[in-house]
Amino acid sequence: MIGYVTIGTNDTGRSIAFYDAVFAPLGYGRTFEGGGWAGYGPDGKKEGLEIYLATPENKQPATFGNGSMLALKAPSRAAVEAFHAAALGAGGADEGGPGVRGEFSPPFYGAYVRDPEGNKLCAYFRG
């Protein structure tokens, strides 16, 4: 089971603005900010899967991993659509607009974006 995820950033302020916008439709809120870090949790609480933004400890530039992606469950198709719109409005890049992917039962409805640092994210709803 995953306890937390850390996403590297070179510009904490820009990343916080982006993630504040894209996490809100998914029910995640900021739990703290400071010292080159920011944290997010379900409903803004430090319980459940926590996601952290951080400048790298080794002082080297943050980079994204090719083939790496953070996928987050959304409570509805509308939340997937709001996530995608928020990402584009907050400086993210489209990697695949909201829609049904594959032939799954229940249907997999997802949207894909890249944050301003190039990290790939997905929000999805099954149902």
N, C-alpha and C. Protein backbone atom coordinates (compact mmCIF):
# COMPACT_ATOMS: atom_id res chain seq x y z
N MET A 1 0.85 -1.18 0.00
CA MET A 1 0.00 0.00 0.00
C MET A 1 0.89 1.24 0.00
N ILE A 2 0.52 2.23 -0.75
CA ILE A 2 1.30 3.46 -0.84
C ILE A 2 0.94 4.36 0.34
N GLY A 3 1.97 4.88 1.00
CA GLY A 3 1.76 5.78 2.12
C GLY A 3 1.73 7.23 1.69
N TYR A 4 2.69 7.60 0.81
CA TYR A 4 2.72 8.97 0.29
C TYR A 4 3.49 8.98 -1.02
N VAL A 5 3.35 10.07 -1.76
CA VAL A 5 4.02 10.29 -3.03
C VAL A 5 4.69 11.65 -2.95
N THR A 6 5.92 11.76 -3.48
CA THR A 6 6.61 13.04 -3.55
C THR A 6 6.83 13.40 -5.01
N ILE A 7 6.51 14.63 -5.36
CA ILE A 7 6.69 15.14 -6.71
C ILE A 7 7.71 16.27 -6.64
N GLY A 8 8.79 16.14 -7.40
CA GLY A 8 9.83 17.16 -7.39
C GLY A 8 9.39 18.43 -8.11
N THR A 9 9.90 19.56 -7.62
CA THR A 9 9.60 20.84 -8.25
C THR A 9 10.83 21.74 -8.21
N ASN A 10 10.94 22.59 -9.21
CA ASN A 10 11.99 23.60 -9.25
C ASN A 10 11.44 24.97 -8.88
N ASP A 11 10.12 25.08 -8.83
CA ASP A 11 9.46 26.35 -8.52
C ASP A 11 8.26 26.03 -7.62
N THR A 12 8.50 26.05 -6.31
CA THR A 12 7.47 25.64 -5.35
C THR A 12 6.20 26.48 -5.49
N GLY A 13 6.34 27.78 -5.63
CA GLY A 13 5.16 28.65 -5.74
C GLY A 13 4.32 28.31 -6.95
N ARG A 14 4.95 28.12 -8.10
CA ARG A 14 4.21 27.77 -9.31
C ARG A 14 3.53 26.42 -9.16
N SER A 15 4.25 25.45 -8.58
CA SER A 15 3.66 24.12 -8.39
C SER A 15 2.50 24.15 -7.40
N ILE A 16 2.62 24.92 -6.33
CA ILE A 16 1.52 25.03 -5.36
C ILE A 16 0.28 25.60 -6.04
N ALA A 17 0.44 26.64 -6.84
CA ALA A 17 -0.71 27.21 -7.54
C ALA A 17 -1.36 26.17 -8.46
N PHE A 18 -0.55 25.41 -9.16
CA PHE A 18 -1.07 24.37 -10.06
C PHE A 18 -1.80 23.29 -9.28
N TYR A 19 -1.16 22.74 -8.25
CA TYR A 19 -1.77 21.63 -7.51
C TYR A 19 -2.95 22.06 -6.65
N ASP A 20 -2.95 23.28 -6.14
CA ASP A 20 -4.15 23.78 -5.46
C ASP A 20 -5.35 23.70 -6.40
N ALA A 21 -5.15 24.11 -7.65
CA ALA A 21 -6.24 24.13 -8.63
C ALA A 21 -6.66 22.73 -9.04
N VAL A 22 -5.72 21.84 -9.35
CA VAL A 22 -6.11 20.53 -9.90
C VAL A 22 -6.55 19.54 -8.83
N PHE A 23 -6.07 19.69 -7.61
CA PHE A 23 -6.49 18.76 -6.56
C PHE A 23 -7.86 19.08 -6.00
N ALA A 24 -8.28 20.32 -6.04
CA ALA A 24 -9.58 20.72 -5.46
C ALA A 24 -10.74 19.89 -6.00
N PRO A 25 -10.87 19.69 -7.34
CA PRO A 25 -12.01 18.90 -7.82
C PRO A 25 -11.98 17.44 -7.38
N LEU A 26 -10.80 16.96 -6.95
CA LEU A 26 -10.65 15.57 -6.54
C LEU A 26 -10.78 15.39 -5.03
N GLY A 27 -11.01 16.50 -4.31
CA GLY A 27 -11.20 16.41 -2.87
C GLY A 27 -9.92 16.47 -2.06
N TYR A 28 -8.81 16.87 -2.68
CA TYR A 28 -7.55 17.02 -1.97
C TYR A 28 -7.30 18.49 -1.67
N GLY A 29 -6.79 18.78 -0.47
CA GLY A 29 -6.47 20.14 -0.09
C GLY A 29 -5.08 20.22 0.51
N ARG A 30 -4.53 21.42 0.51
CA ARG A 30 -3.19 21.61 1.05
C ARG A 30 -3.20 21.45 2.56
N THR A 31 -2.24 20.70 3.08
CA THR A 31 -2.14 20.47 4.52
C THR A 31 -1.05 21.34 5.14
N PHE A 32 -0.03 21.74 4.36
CA PHE A 32 1.02 22.62 4.87
C PHE A 32 1.85 23.15 3.71
N GLU A 33 2.66 24.16 4.01
CA GLU A 33 3.60 24.74 3.05
C GLU A 33 4.75 25.35 3.83
N GLY A 34 5.98 25.14 3.37
CA GLY A 34 7.13 25.77 4.00
C GLY A 34 8.41 25.02 3.76
N GLY A 35 9.51 25.74 3.72
CA GLY A 35 10.81 25.13 3.57
C GLY A 35 11.03 24.41 2.26
N GLY A 36 10.40 24.87 1.19
CA GLY A 36 10.53 24.20 -0.10
C GLY A 36 9.62 23.00 -0.26
N TRP A 37 8.70 22.83 0.66
CA TRP A 37 7.75 21.71 0.63
C TRP A 37 6.32 22.21 0.69
N ALA A 38 5.41 21.38 0.21
CA ALA A 38 3.97 21.57 0.42
C ALA A 38 3.36 20.18 0.47
N GLY A 39 2.30 20.02 1.25
CA GLY A 39 1.64 18.73 1.38
C GLY A 39 0.16 18.84 1.07
N TYR A 40 -0.40 17.74 0.58
CA TYR A 40 -1.82 17.66 0.25
C TYR A 40 -2.38 16.34 0.78
N GLY A 41 -3.62 16.39 1.23
CA GLY A 41 -4.28 15.19 1.69
C GLY A 41 -5.77 15.24 1.39
N PRO A 42 -6.44 14.09 1.51
CA PRO A 42 -7.89 14.07 1.29
C PRO A 42 -8.58 15.06 2.21
N ASP A 43 -9.39 15.92 1.65
CA ASP A 43 -10.12 16.95 2.40
C ASP A 43 -9.18 17.85 3.19
N GLY A 44 -7.92 17.96 2.75
CA GLY A 44 -6.96 18.83 3.43
C GLY A 44 -6.50 18.29 4.77
N LYS A 45 -6.63 16.98 4.98
CA LYS A 45 -6.23 16.36 6.25
C LYS A 45 -5.04 15.44 6.03
N LYS A 46 -4.21 15.31 7.04
CA LYS A 46 -3.06 14.41 6.96
C LYS A 46 -3.48 13.00 7.34
N GLU A 47 -4.29 12.41 6.50
CA GLU A 47 -4.69 11.01 6.67
C GLU A 47 -5.02 10.48 5.29
N GLY A 48 -4.79 9.23 5.07
CA GLY A 48 -4.97 8.67 3.74
C GLY A 48 -3.73 8.96 2.91
N LEU A 49 -3.82 8.82 1.62
CA LEU A 49 -2.69 9.06 0.74
C LEU A 49 -2.32 10.54 0.76
N GLU A 50 -1.09 10.82 1.16
CA GLU A 50 -0.59 12.18 1.15
C GLU A 50 0.31 12.38 -0.05
N ILE A 51 0.26 13.57 -0.62
CA ILE A 51 1.08 13.92 -1.77
C ILE A 51 1.89 15.16 -1.40
N TYR A 52 3.20 15.09 -1.63
CA TYR A 52 4.09 16.19 -1.27
C TYR A 52 4.76 16.76 -2.50
N LEU A 53 4.94 18.06 -2.52
CA LEU A 53 5.77 18.76 -3.49
C LEU A 53 7.05 19.11 -2.76
N ALA A 54 8.20 18.94 -3.42
CA ALA A 54 9.46 19.22 -2.74
C ALA A 54 10.55 19.58 -3.73
N THR A 55 11.41 20.51 -3.30
CA THR A 55 12.64 20.74 -4.05
C THR A 55 13.59 19.60 -3.65
N PRO A 56 14.34 19.06 -4.60
CA PRO A 56 15.22 17.93 -4.29
C PRO A 56 16.24 18.24 -3.20
N GLU A 57 16.40 17.29 -2.30
CA GLU A 57 17.35 17.43 -1.19
C GLU A 57 18.80 17.52 -1.68
N ASN A 58 19.09 16.90 -2.82
CA ASN A 58 20.47 16.89 -3.32
C ASN A 58 20.84 18.16 -4.08
N LYS A 59 19.92 19.13 -4.10
CA LYS A 59 20.13 20.44 -4.74
C LYS A 59 20.27 20.37 -6.26
N GLN A 60 19.99 19.22 -6.85
CA GLN A 60 20.00 19.07 -8.31
C GLN A 60 18.61 19.42 -8.83
N PRO A 61 18.49 19.76 -10.12
CA PRO A 61 17.17 20.10 -10.66
C PRO A 61 16.18 18.93 -10.56
N ALA A 62 14.93 19.25 -10.27
CA ALA A 62 13.87 18.24 -10.30
C ALA A 62 13.58 17.91 -11.76
N THR A 63 13.40 16.64 -12.06
CA THR A 63 13.04 16.19 -13.40
C THR A 63 11.91 15.18 -13.28
N PHE A 64 11.20 14.99 -14.37
CA PHE A 64 10.12 14.01 -14.38
C PHE A 64 10.65 12.70 -14.94
N GLY A 65 10.00 11.61 -14.59
CA GLY A 65 10.39 10.29 -15.08
C GLY A 65 9.59 9.91 -16.30
N ASN A 66 10.27 9.53 -17.37
CA ASN A 66 9.58 9.07 -18.56
C ASN A 66 8.89 7.75 -18.25
N GLY A 67 7.59 7.70 -18.45
CA GLY A 67 6.82 6.51 -18.13
C GLY A 67 6.22 6.54 -16.74
N SER A 68 6.57 7.54 -15.95
CA SER A 68 6.00 7.68 -14.60
C SER A 68 4.74 8.53 -14.66
N MET A 69 3.77 8.19 -13.82
CA MET A 69 2.53 8.94 -13.79
C MET A 69 1.87 8.75 -12.43
N LEU A 70 1.27 9.79 -11.93
CA LEU A 70 0.47 9.73 -10.71
C LEU A 70 -0.99 9.72 -11.13
N ALA A 71 -1.71 8.67 -10.78
CA ALA A 71 -3.14 8.55 -11.11
C ALA A 71 -3.95 8.67 -9.83
N LEU A 72 -4.95 9.54 -9.88
CA LEU A 72 -5.78 9.82 -8.71
C LEU A 72 -7.24 9.48 -9.01
N LYS A 73 -7.87 8.80 -8.06
CA LYS A 73 -9.30 8.49 -8.20
C LYS A 73 -10.11 9.76 -8.05
N ALA A 74 -11.09 9.90 -8.88
CA ALA A 74 -12.02 11.04 -8.83
C ALA A 74 -13.39 10.53 -8.38
N PRO A 75 -14.17 11.37 -7.72
CA PRO A 75 -15.49 10.92 -7.25
C PRO A 75 -16.55 10.87 -8.34
N SER A 76 -16.27 11.43 -9.53
CA SER A 76 -17.28 11.46 -10.59
C SER A 76 -16.62 11.85 -11.92
N ARG A 77 -17.37 11.68 -13.00
CA ARG A 77 -16.90 12.15 -14.30
C ARG A 77 -16.76 13.67 -14.29
N ALA A 78 -17.67 14.35 -13.64
CA ALA A 78 -17.59 15.81 -13.56
C ALA A 78 -16.31 16.26 -12.88
N ALA A 79 -15.87 15.52 -11.87
CA ALA A 79 -14.62 15.86 -11.19
C ALA A 79 -13.42 15.66 -12.11
N VAL A 80 -13.45 14.61 -12.95
CA VAL A 80 -12.38 14.39 -13.93
C VAL A 80 -12.33 15.58 -14.88
N GLU A 81 -13.47 16.01 -15.34
CA GLU A 81 -13.54 17.15 -16.26
C GLU A 81 -13.06 18.44 -15.59
N ALA A 82 -13.43 18.64 -14.33
CA ALA A 82 -12.99 19.83 -13.59
C ALA A 82 -11.48 19.80 -13.36
N PHE A 83 -10.93 18.63 -13.05
CA PHE A 83 -9.49 18.44 -12.89
C PHE A 83 -8.76 18.86 -14.17
N HIS A 84 -9.22 18.35 -15.30
CA HIS A 84 -8.58 18.64 -16.58
C HIS A 84 -8.64 20.13 -16.89
N ALA A 85 -9.80 20.74 -16.72
CA ALA A 85 -9.95 22.17 -16.99
C ALA A 85 -9.07 22.99 -16.04
N ALA A 86 -9.03 22.61 -14.77
CA ALA A 86 -8.21 23.33 -13.79
C ALA A 86 -6.73 23.22 -14.16
N ALA A 87 -6.31 22.05 -14.59
CA ALA A 87 -4.91 21.86 -14.96
C ALA A 87 -4.52 22.77 -16.12
N LEU A 88 -5.34 22.80 -17.14
CA LEU A 88 -5.03 23.65 -18.30
C LEU A 88 -5.07 25.12 -17.90
N GLY A 89 -6.01 25.50 -17.05
CA GLY A 89 -6.12 26.89 -16.60
C GLY A 89 -4.99 27.31 -15.69
N ALA A 90 -4.33 26.36 -15.06
CA ALA A 90 -3.26 26.67 -14.11
C ALA A 90 -1.87 26.46 -14.71
N GLY A 91 -1.80 26.34 -16.04
CA GLY A 91 -0.50 26.25 -16.68
C GLY A 91 -0.06 24.86 -17.05
N GLY A 92 -0.93 23.87 -16.91
CA GLY A 92 -0.58 22.51 -17.29
C GLY A 92 -0.77 22.29 -18.78
N ALA A 93 -0.33 21.14 -19.25
CA ALA A 93 -0.44 20.78 -20.66
C ALA A 93 -1.34 19.55 -20.83
N ASP A 94 -2.13 19.56 -21.88
CA ASP A 94 -3.04 18.46 -22.17
C ASP A 94 -2.27 17.23 -22.64
N GLU A 95 -2.59 16.08 -22.07
CA GLU A 95 -2.01 14.80 -22.50
C GLU A 95 -3.12 13.82 -22.88
N GLY A 96 -4.35 14.30 -22.93
CA GLY A 96 -5.49 13.45 -23.28
C GLY A 96 -6.72 13.91 -22.52
N GLY A 97 -7.65 14.53 -23.23
CA GLY A 97 -8.84 15.09 -22.59
C GLY A 97 -9.74 14.04 -21.98
N PRO A 98 -10.72 14.48 -21.19
CA PRO A 98 -11.64 13.56 -20.53
C PRO A 98 -12.36 12.65 -21.52
N GLY A 99 -12.44 11.38 -21.18
CA GLY A 99 -13.15 10.44 -22.02
C GLY A 99 -12.99 9.01 -21.53
N VAL A 100 -13.79 8.14 -22.12
CA VAL A 100 -13.73 6.71 -21.79
C VAL A 100 -12.50 6.13 -22.48
N ARG A 101 -11.74 5.33 -21.75
CA ARG A 101 -10.55 4.68 -22.29
C ARG A 101 -10.74 3.16 -22.19
N GLY A 102 -10.40 2.47 -23.25
CA GLY A 102 -10.45 1.02 -23.24
C GLY A 102 -11.88 0.49 -23.21
N GLU A 103 -11.95 -0.82 -23.00
CA GLU A 103 -13.25 -1.50 -22.94
C GLU A 103 -13.36 -2.21 -21.61
N PHE A 104 -13.56 -1.43 -20.57
CA PHE A 104 -13.63 -1.96 -19.22
C PHE A 104 -15.06 -1.91 -18.71
N SER A 105 -15.36 -2.76 -17.76
CA SER A 105 -16.65 -2.74 -17.11
C SER A 105 -16.42 -2.79 -15.60
N PRO A 106 -16.74 -1.73 -14.88
CA PRO A 106 -17.35 -0.48 -15.34
C PRO A 106 -16.36 0.35 -16.16
N PRO A 107 -16.89 1.30 -16.95
CA PRO A 107 -16.03 2.10 -17.82
C PRO A 107 -14.97 2.88 -17.04
N PHE A 108 -13.81 3.03 -17.68
CA PHE A 108 -12.71 3.85 -17.16
C PHE A 108 -12.79 5.20 -17.85
N TYR A 109 -13.09 6.24 -17.09
CA TYR A 109 -13.22 7.60 -17.62
C TYR A 109 -12.07 8.41 -17.04
N GLY A 110 -11.17 8.86 -17.90
CA GLY A 110 -9.99 9.54 -17.39
C GLY A 110 -9.58 10.74 -18.21
N ALA A 111 -8.69 11.53 -17.64
CA ALA A 111 -8.07 12.67 -18.31
C ALA A 111 -6.61 12.73 -17.88
N TYR A 112 -5.77 13.18 -18.78
CA TYR A 112 -4.33 13.19 -18.56
C TYR A 112 -3.76 14.58 -18.82
N VAL A 113 -2.85 15.00 -17.93
CA VAL A 113 -2.21 16.31 -18.06
C VAL A 113 -0.75 16.19 -17.61
N ARG A 114 0.00 17.23 -17.91
CA ARG A 114 1.35 17.40 -17.36
C ARG A 114 1.36 18.69 -16.57
N ASP A 115 2.00 18.64 -15.40
CA ASP A 115 2.12 19.85 -14.59
C ASP A 115 3.20 20.75 -15.20
N PRO A 116 3.41 21.96 -14.66
CA PRO A 116 4.40 22.86 -15.24
C PRO A 116 5.83 22.33 -15.23
N GLU A 117 6.12 21.33 -14.41
CA GLU A 117 7.46 20.72 -14.38
C GLU A 117 7.58 19.56 -15.36
N GLY A 118 6.46 19.13 -15.95
CA GLY A 118 6.46 18.00 -16.89
C GLY A 118 6.00 16.69 -16.31
N ASN A 119 5.62 16.66 -15.02
CA ASN A 119 5.13 15.43 -14.40
C ASN A 119 3.75 15.09 -14.97
N LYS A 120 3.53 13.82 -15.29
CA LYS A 120 2.25 13.38 -15.86
C LYS A 120 1.29 12.96 -14.75
N LEU A 121 0.06 13.43 -14.88
CA LEU A 121 -1.01 13.13 -13.91
C LEU A 121 -2.23 12.60 -14.65
N CYS A 122 -2.98 11.77 -13.97
CA CYS A 122 -4.25 11.28 -14.47
C CYS A 122 -5.29 11.41 -13.35
N ALA A 123 -6.48 11.80 -13.72
CA ALA A 123 -7.63 11.69 -12.81
C ALA A 123 -8.61 10.75 -13.52
N TYR A 124 -9.16 9.80 -12.76
CA TYR A 124 -10.05 8.83 -13.38
C TYR A 124 -11.22 8.48 -12.48
N PHE A 125 -12.28 8.03 -13.12
CA PHE A 125 -13.49 7.57 -12.43
C PHE A 125 -13.89 6.25 -13.06
N ARG A 126 -14.18 5.26 -12.24
CA ARG A 126 -14.67 3.98 -12.74
C ARG A 126 -16.14 3.87 -12.37
N GLY A 127 -16.98 3.84 -13.39
CA GLY A 127 -18.40 3.69 -13.09
C GLY A 127 -19.26 4.34 -14.13
